Amino acid sequence: MARPLSPADIRSFAARRWDLVADEKLRFIVERFEATGIIGSRSAARRLRERWLALHPEGASDADRDADLKAHVALKEKLDRVHNAAVRR
């Protein structure tokens, strides 16, 4: 069984170099895309859709669609960052 978090644990977590974490995540995404290309992206999108439909067989509401649009805009921004990082390599 895991021990409870202490205040020191939380301070340590909050003090992490989040810029380095973000850089590493971006590096991973670039490498993954370079390795799998659009096929990997489409496969991931298909699996996400299947999962969503399994959880929500009734389909999407207007609120779901609004949230989805916002998520797509955020994803586009992230993809732009990945593209820019790949171009700089």
Protein backbone atom coordinates (compact mmCIF):
# COMPACT_ATOMS: atom_id res chain seq x y z
CA MET A 1 0.00 0.00 0.00
CA ALA A 2 1.28 3.48 -0.90
CA ARG A 3 2.01 5.92 1.85
CA PRO A 4 0.03 9.17 2.05
CA LEU A 5 1.56 12.25 0.46
CA SER A 6 3.30 14.59 2.84
CA PRO A 7 3.52 18.37 2.49
CA ALA A 8 7.17 17.89 1.47
CA ASP A 9 6.08 15.50 -1.29
CA ILE A 10 3.65 18.06 -2.62
CA ARG A 11 6.22 20.87 -2.47
CA SER A 12 8.74 18.68 -4.28
CA PHE A 13 6.21 17.86 -6.99
CA ALA A 14 5.21 21.50 -7.42
CA ALA A 15 8.86 22.58 -7.59
CA ARG A 16 9.67 20.30 -10.52
CA ARG A 17 11.15 21.82 -13.63
CA TRP A 18 7.89 21.78 -15.55
CA ASP A 19 9.57 23.40 -18.54
CA LEU A 20 11.81 20.33 -18.82
CA VAL A 21 8.80 18.03 -18.48
CA ALA A 22 7.03 19.92 -21.28
CA ASP A 23 10.15 19.75 -23.47
CA GLU A 24 10.44 16.00 -22.92
CA LYS A 25 6.76 15.43 -23.70
CA LEU A 26 7.13 17.42 -26.90
CA ARG A 27 10.26 15.47 -27.86
CA PHE A 28 8.39 12.21 -27.32
CA ILE A 29 5.45 13.36 -29.47
CA VAL A 30 7.77 14.44 -32.30
CA GLU A 31 9.67 11.14 -32.20
CA ARG A 32 6.44 9.15 -32.08
CA PHE A 33 5.02 11.01 -35.07
CA GLU A 34 8.26 10.60 -37.01
CA ALA A 35 8.13 6.85 -36.31
CA THR A 36 4.44 6.22 -37.03
CA GLY A 37 3.39 9.14 -39.23
CA ILE A 38 -0.23 9.77 -40.04
CA ILE A 39 -1.04 6.07 -39.70
CA GLY A 40 -0.24 6.17 -35.98
CA SER A 41 -2.30 9.33 -35.56
CA ARG A 42 -5.29 7.88 -37.37
CA SER A 43 -5.06 4.66 -35.40
CA ALA A 44 -5.01 6.59 -32.12
CA ALA A 45 -8.00 8.69 -33.25
CA ARG A 46 -9.94 5.54 -34.16
CA ARG A 47 -9.26 3.97 -30.77
CA LEU A 48 -10.29 7.16 -28.97
CA ARG A 49 -13.55 7.30 -30.95
CA GLU A 50 -14.31 3.65 -30.22
CA ARG A 51 -13.71 4.24 -26.53
CA TRP A 52 -15.94 7.31 -26.47
CA LEU A 53 -18.75 5.46 -28.25
CA ALA A 54 -18.44 2.56 -25.79
CA LEU A 55 -18.89 5.02 -22.91
CA HIS A 56 -21.61 7.09 -24.65
CA PRO A 57 -23.62 4.86 -27.00
CA GLU A 58 -26.40 7.48 -27.14
CA GLY A 59 -24.14 9.80 -29.13
CA ALA A 60 -23.02 13.36 -28.62
CA SER A 61 -25.05 16.22 -27.15
CA ASP A 62 -24.63 19.86 -28.17
CA ALA A 63 -22.49 20.38 -25.06
CA ASP A 64 -20.34 17.40 -26.05
CA ARG A 65 -19.87 18.85 -29.52
CA ASP A 66 -18.92 22.27 -28.09
CA ALA A 67 -16.37 20.65 -25.77
CA ASP A 68 -15.06 18.58 -28.69
CA LEU A 69 -14.54 21.70 -30.80
CA LYS A 70 -12.59 23.34 -27.98
CA ALA A 71 -10.49 20.19 -27.60
CA HIS A 72 -9.77 20.15 -31.35
CA VAL A 73 -8.65 23.77 -31.27
CA ALA A 74 -6.31 22.97 -28.37
CA LEU A 75 -5.03 19.90 -30.24
CA LYS A 76 -4.36 22.00 -33.33
CA GLU A 77 -2.27 24.36 -31.21
CA LYS A 78 -0.29 21.39 -29.85
CA LEU A 79 0.19 19.94 -33.32
CA ASP A 80 1.51 23.30 -34.47
CA ARG A 81 4.04 23.21 -31.62
CA VAL A 82 5.07 19.67 -32.62
CA HIS A 83 5.46 20.74 -36.23
CA ASN A 84 7.55 23.73 -35.25
CA ALA A 85 9.74 21.59 -32.99
CA ALA A 86 10.23 19.05 -35.80
CA VAL A 87 11.15 21.77 -38.28
CA ARG A 88 13.76 23.18 -35.88
CA ARG A 89 15.48 19.77 -35.55
